[in-house]
Every structure is written in structure tokens, then in C-alpha cells.
């Protein structure tokens, strides 16, 4: 019979998974923003630029908070 993992380990694993997921989303948005900013230099404004910048801000704040705990 296997013993279940302690709740602390489950919570820690879930937290690390959330951090990893948010970091991947942030990296993906970074790539997208590079393209959007390159287009902006050429005079084309992406309709998603402002929304993606807000997402980056939100994700970075969340990651900073989670990693600091």
C-alpha cells in the first residue's frame, strides 16, 4: 500500500506547476510582443499590443509574488 503525499507536497507541486505555466505564457507573450513592436516600428499598430502588454504586466506581477513567497 502506497502512502499518499503529504498535503504540503501537493500544494508545493501545484504552486510550482502554476509558476512554470505562467513563465511559459510570459515567454510566449514576449515573442509575440517582439513581433508587434517590430511592426510598430514600421508604422503598423497591432490590435492586441495593448492587451498583451497588460497580460505581461499581470503575469510578471503574479510570478514575482509567487517566487517571493
C-alpha atoms as a PDB file:
ATOM      1  CA  UNK A   1       0.000   0.000   0.000  1.00  0.00           C
ATOM      2  CA  UNK A   2       1.465   3.374  -1.043  1.00  0.00           C
ATOM      3  CA  UNK A   3       1.251   6.323   1.289  1.00  0.00           C
ATOM      4  CA  UNK A   4      -0.314   9.472  -0.120  1.00  0.00           C
ATOM      5  CA  UNK A   5       1.918  12.513  -0.448  1.00  0.00           C
ATOM      6  CA  UNK A   6       1.552  14.995   2.381  1.00  0.00           C
ATOM      7  CA  UNK A   7      -0.709  17.955   1.579  1.00  0.00           C
ATOM      8  CA  UNK A   8       2.277  20.307   1.808  1.00  0.00           C
ATOM      9  CA  UNK A   9       3.978  18.489  -1.074  1.00  0.00           C
ATOM     10  CA  UNK A  10       0.807  18.544  -3.163  1.00  0.00           C
ATOM     11  CA  UNK A  11       0.389  22.272  -2.578  1.00  0.00           C
ATOM     12  CA  UNK A  12       4.052  22.894  -3.385  1.00  0.00           C
ATOM     13  CA  UNK A  13       3.823  20.841  -6.574  1.00  0.00           C
ATOM     14  CA  UNK A  14       0.693  22.720  -7.646  1.00  0.00           C
ATOM     15  CA  UNK A  15       2.383  26.060  -6.924  1.00  0.00           C
ATOM     16  CA  UNK A  16       5.471  25.088  -8.928  1.00  0.00           C
ATOM     17  CA  UNK A  17       3.287  23.924 -11.816  1.00  0.00           C
ATOM     18  CA  UNK A  18       1.421  27.256 -11.789  1.00  0.00           C
ATOM     19  CA  UNK A  19       4.722  29.160 -11.761  1.00  0.00           C
ATOM     20  CA  UNK A  20       6.008  27.083 -14.672  1.00  0.00           C
ATOM     21  CA  UNK A  21       2.782  27.616 -16.634  1.00  0.00           C
ATOM     22  CA  UNK A  22       2.826  31.388 -16.042  1.00  0.00           C
ATOM     23  CA  UNK A  23       6.502  31.565 -17.040  1.00  0.00           C
ATOM     24  CA  UNK A  24       5.748  29.752 -20.294  1.00  0.00           C
ATOM     25  CA  UNK A  25       2.867  32.126 -21.046  1.00  0.00           C
ATOM     26  CA  UNK A  26       5.120  35.095 -20.293  1.00  0.00           C
ATOM     27  CA  UNK A  27       7.820  33.780 -22.630  1.00  0.00           C
ATOM     28  CA  UNK A  28       5.264  33.227 -25.375  1.00  0.00           C
ATOM     29  CA  UNK A  29       3.912  36.738 -24.954  1.00  0.00           C
ATOM     30  CA  UNK A  30       7.473  38.085 -25.109  1.00  0.00           C
ATOM     31  CA  UNK A  31       7.969  36.513 -28.523  1.00  0.00           C
ATOM     32  CA  UNK A  32       4.640  37.902 -29.715  1.00  0.00           C
ATOM     33  CA  UNK A  33       5.492  41.362 -28.388  1.00  0.00           C
ATOM     34  CA  UNK A  34       8.790  41.390 -30.270  1.00  0.00           C
ATOM     35  CA  UNK A  35       6.880  40.885 -33.498  1.00  0.00           C
ATOM     36  CA  UNK A  36       4.289  43.510 -32.566  1.00  0.00           C
ATOM     37  CA  UNK A  37       6.973  46.060 -31.675  1.00  0.00           C
ATOM     38  CA  UNK A  38       8.817  45.380 -34.933  1.00  0.00           C
ATOM     39  CA  UNK A  39       5.568  46.073 -36.800  1.00  0.00           C
ATOM     40  CA  UNK A  40       5.097  49.240 -34.738  1.00  0.00           C
ATOM     41  CA  UNK A  41       8.486  50.497 -35.921  1.00  0.00           C
ATOM     42  CA  UNK A  42       7.180  50.078 -39.456  1.00  0.00           C
ATOM     43  CA  UNK A  43       4.080  52.115 -38.626  1.00  0.00           C
ATOM     44  CA  UNK A  44       1.667  49.226 -38.076  1.00  0.00           C
ATOM     45  CA  UNK A  45      -0.093  49.025 -34.713  1.00  0.00           C
ATOM     46  CA  UNK A  46      -1.175  45.530 -33.706  1.00  0.00           C
ATOM     47  CA  UNK A  47      -4.690  45.453 -32.296  1.00  0.00           C
ATOM     48  CA  UNK A  48      -3.517  43.127 -29.493  1.00  0.00           C
ATOM     49  CA  UNK A  49      -0.446  45.104 -28.426  1.00  0.00           C
ATOM     50  CA  UNK A  50      -2.052  46.951 -25.512  1.00  0.00           C
ATOM     51  CA  UNK A  51      -3.862  43.833 -24.293  1.00  0.00           C
ATOM     52  CA  UNK A  52      -0.689  41.738 -24.493  1.00  0.00           C
ATOM     53  CA  UNK A  53       1.317  44.370 -22.617  1.00  0.00           C
ATOM     54  CA  UNK A  54      -1.276  44.268 -19.828  1.00  0.00           C
ATOM     55  CA  UNK A  55      -1.058  40.459 -19.763  1.00  0.00           C
ATOM     56  CA  UNK A  56       2.733  40.669 -19.448  1.00  0.00           C
ATOM     57  CA  UNK A  57       2.373  43.090 -16.552  1.00  0.00           C
ATOM     58  CA  UNK A  58      -0.182  40.880 -14.793  1.00  0.00           C
ATOM     59  CA  UNK A  59       1.836  37.692 -15.287  1.00  0.00           C
ATOM     60  CA  UNK A  60       5.086  39.290 -14.184  1.00  0.00           C
ATOM     61  CA  UNK A  61       3.461  40.636 -11.014  1.00  0.00           C
ATOM     62  CA  UNK A  62       1.977  37.209 -10.263  1.00  0.00           C
ATOM     63  CA  UNK A  63       5.314  35.469 -10.863  1.00  0.00           C
ATOM     64  CA  UNK A  64       7.179  37.978  -8.735  1.00  0.00           C
ATOM     65  CA  UNK A  65       4.698  37.407  -5.909  1.00  0.00           C
ATOM     66  CA  UNK A  66       4.788  33.602  -6.179  1.00  0.00           C
ATOM     67  CA  UNK A  67       8.565  33.345  -6.412  1.00  0.00           C
ATOM     68  CA  UNK A  68       8.966  35.722  -3.475  1.00  0.00           C
ATOM     69  CA  UNK A  69       6.940  33.504  -1.155  1.00  0.00           C
END
